[in-house]
Amino acid sequence: MDTDWTQSLREKLDKHYAWPALYIFKFIVPKGKEGEVKQLFPLHIVKEKVSKNGNFISLTIQMMIPTSDTVIDVYLKTAKIEGLIAL
């Protein structure tokens, strides 16, 4: 991901959150890829919801995050998962 994107996201996060803060990550992945996301969050509860046709899984993770850079790090790690959509 380019530096313009990360800088823009950092500015938006810092404008809307007072760190540390509870942050909610939401992802949609093709069925079978949910394990790849869950392994990135071994200490957190991951809520799952299967799509109507069962082809996709929605994942929601709440985390106490210390800084906007930590949020960006999570998005960079999850971006490597094929088919993942971050909301």
C-alpha atoms as a PDB file:
ATOM      1  CA  MET A   1       0.000   0.000   0.000  1.00  0.00           C
ATOM      2  CA  ASP A   2       1.297   3.411  -0.837  1.00  0.00           C
ATOM      3  CA  THR A   3       2.431   6.039   1.628  1.00  0.00           C
ATOM      4  CA  ASP A   4      -0.316   8.484   0.593  1.00  0.00           C
ATOM      5  CA  TRP A   5      -2.929   5.918   1.629  1.00  0.00           C
ATOM      6  CA  THR A   6      -1.292   5.215   4.975  1.00  0.00           C
ATOM      7  CA  GLN A   7      -0.785   8.905   5.743  1.00  0.00           C
ATOM      8  CA  SER A   8      -4.398   9.704   4.840  1.00  0.00           C
ATOM      9  CA  LEU A   9      -5.698   6.854   7.002  1.00  0.00           C
ATOM     10  CA  ARG A  10      -3.430   7.878   9.902  1.00  0.00           C
ATOM     11  CA  GLU A  11      -4.766  11.448   9.757  1.00  0.00           C
ATOM     12  CA  LYS A  12      -8.392  10.276   9.705  1.00  0.00           C
ATOM     13  CA  LEU A  13      -7.854   7.850  12.574  1.00  0.00           C
ATOM     14  CA  ASP A  14      -6.081  10.438  14.693  1.00  0.00           C
ATOM     15  CA  LYS A  15      -8.865  12.924  14.034  1.00  0.00           C
ATOM     16  CA  HIS A  16     -11.638  10.535  15.148  1.00  0.00           C
ATOM     17  CA  TYR A  17      -9.977   8.525  17.939  1.00  0.00           C
ATOM     18  CA  ALA A  18      -8.227   9.398  21.199  1.00  0.00           C
ATOM     19  CA  TRP A  19      -5.567   6.691  21.569  1.00  0.00           C
ATOM     20  CA  PRO A  20      -5.609   4.197  23.131  1.00  0.00           C
ATOM     21  CA  ALA A  21      -9.086   3.324  21.888  1.00  0.00           C
ATOM     22  CA  LEU A  22     -11.380   0.389  21.215  1.00  0.00           C
ATOM     23  CA  TYR A  23     -11.284  -0.192  17.455  1.00  0.00           C
ATOM     24  CA  ILE A  24     -13.514  -2.529  15.457  1.00  0.00           C
ATOM     25  CA  PHE A  25     -12.091  -4.328  12.437  1.00  0.00           C
ATOM     26  CA  LYS A  26     -14.525  -5.790   9.904  1.00  0.00           C
ATOM     27  CA  PHE A  27     -13.480  -8.082   7.102  1.00  0.00           C
ATOM     28  CA  ILE A  28     -15.197 -10.211   4.483  1.00  0.00           C
ATOM     29  CA  VAL A  29     -13.346 -13.253   3.191  1.00  0.00           C
ATOM     30  CA  PRO A  30     -14.171 -16.158   0.901  1.00  0.00           C
ATOM     31  CA  LYS A  31     -15.270 -19.255   2.801  1.00  0.00           C
ATOM     32  CA  GLY A  32     -12.189 -21.176   3.871  1.00  0.00           C
ATOM     33  CA  LYS A  33     -10.020 -18.077   4.353  1.00  0.00           C
ATOM     34  CA  GLU A  34     -11.401 -17.145   7.785  1.00  0.00           C
ATOM     35  CA  GLY A  35      -8.673 -19.148   9.532  1.00  0.00           C
ATOM     36  CA  GLU A  36      -5.998 -16.935   7.985  1.00  0.00           C
ATOM     37  CA  VAL A  37      -7.615 -13.870   9.522  1.00  0.00           C
ATOM     38  CA  LYS A  38      -8.246 -15.537  12.882  1.00  0.00           C
ATOM     39  CA  GLN A  39      -4.614 -16.560  13.262  1.00  0.00           C
ATOM     40  CA  LEU A  40      -3.651 -12.871  13.132  1.00  0.00           C
ATOM     41  CA  PHE A  41      -5.849 -12.266  16.207  1.00  0.00           C
ATOM     42  CA  PRO A  42      -5.070 -15.222  18.513  1.00  0.00           C
ATOM     43  CA  LEU A  43      -5.942 -13.358  21.728  1.00  0.00           C
ATOM     44  CA  HIS A  44      -9.207 -11.816  20.530  1.00  0.00           C
ATOM     45  CA  ILE A  45     -12.742 -13.001  20.016  1.00  0.00           C
ATOM     46  CA  VAL A  46     -13.609 -13.095  16.327  1.00  0.00           C
ATOM     47  CA  LYS A  47     -17.321 -12.950  15.545  1.00  0.00           C
ATOM     48  CA  GLU A  48     -18.277 -14.744  12.347  1.00  0.00           C
ATOM     49  CA  LYS A  49     -21.336 -14.484  10.150  1.00  0.00           C
ATOM     50  CA  VAL A  50     -21.841 -16.601   7.038  1.00  0.00           C
ATOM     51  CA  SER A  51     -23.259 -14.900   3.947  1.00  0.00           C
ATOM     52  CA  LYS A  52     -26.704 -15.792   2.619  1.00  0.00           C
ATOM     53  CA  ASN A  53     -25.310 -18.183  -0.009  1.00  0.00           C
ATOM     54  CA  GLY A  54     -22.518 -19.433   2.243  1.00  0.00           C
ATOM     55  CA  ASN A  55     -19.717 -18.281  -0.042  1.00  0.00           C
ATOM     56  CA  PHE A  56     -18.312 -15.579   2.241  1.00  0.00           C
ATOM     57  CA  ILE A  57     -17.651 -15.069   5.926  1.00  0.00           C
ATOM     58  CA  SER A  58     -17.935 -11.722   7.691  1.00  0.00           C
ATOM     59  CA  LEU A  59     -15.471 -11.328  10.573  1.00  0.00           C
ATOM     60  CA  THR A  60     -15.645  -8.686  13.308  1.00  0.00           C
ATOM     61  CA  ILE A  61     -12.850  -8.151  15.818  1.00  0.00           C
ATOM     62  CA  GLN A  62     -12.790  -5.581  18.631  1.00  0.00           C
ATOM     63  CA  MET A  63      -9.371  -4.609  19.944  1.00  0.00           C
ATOM     64  CA  MET A  64      -7.935  -2.033  22.299  1.00  0.00           C
ATOM     65  CA  ILE A  65      -5.447  -0.274  20.047  1.00  0.00           C
ATOM     66  CA  PRO A  66      -2.627   1.965  21.334  1.00  0.00           C
ATOM     67  CA  THR A  67      -2.032   4.106  18.205  1.00  0.00           C
ATOM     68  CA  SER A  68      -3.195   4.700  14.650  1.00  0.00           C
ATOM     69  CA  ASP A  69       0.017   3.034  13.445  1.00  0.00           C
ATOM     70  CA  THR A  70      -1.161  -0.221  15.039  1.00  0.00           C
ATOM     71  CA  VAL A  71      -4.421  -0.040  13.067  1.00  0.00           C
ATOM     72  CA  ILE A  72      -2.457   0.488   9.864  1.00  0.00           C
ATOM     73  CA  ASP A  73      -0.160  -2.449  10.711  1.00  0.00           C
ATOM     74  CA  VAL A  74      -3.193  -4.723  11.090  1.00  0.00           C
ATOM     75  CA  TYR A  75      -4.596  -3.617   7.730  1.00  0.00           C
ATOM     76  CA  LEU A  76      -1.219  -4.189   6.054  1.00  0.00           C
ATOM     77  CA  LYS A  77      -1.021  -7.722   7.484  1.00  0.00           C
ATOM     78  CA  THR A  78      -4.569  -8.626   6.473  1.00  0.00           C
ATOM     79  CA  ALA A  79      -4.099  -7.170   2.978  1.00  0.00           C
ATOM     80  CA  LYS A  80      -1.900 -10.172   2.187  1.00  0.00           C
ATOM     81  CA  ILE A  81      -4.885 -12.534   2.498  1.00  0.00           C
ATOM     82  CA  GLU A  82      -6.255 -13.371  -0.935  1.00  0.00           C
ATOM     83  CA  GLY A  83      -9.846 -12.244  -1.480  1.00  0.00           C
ATOM     84  CA  LEU A  84     -10.090 -10.253   1.769  1.00  0.00           C
ATOM     85  CA  ILE A  85     -12.212  -7.113   1.790  1.00  0.00           C
ATOM     86  CA  ALA A  86     -11.656  -4.677   4.673  1.00  0.00           C
ATOM     87  CA  LEU A  87     -14.640  -2.548   5.636  1.00  0.00           C
END
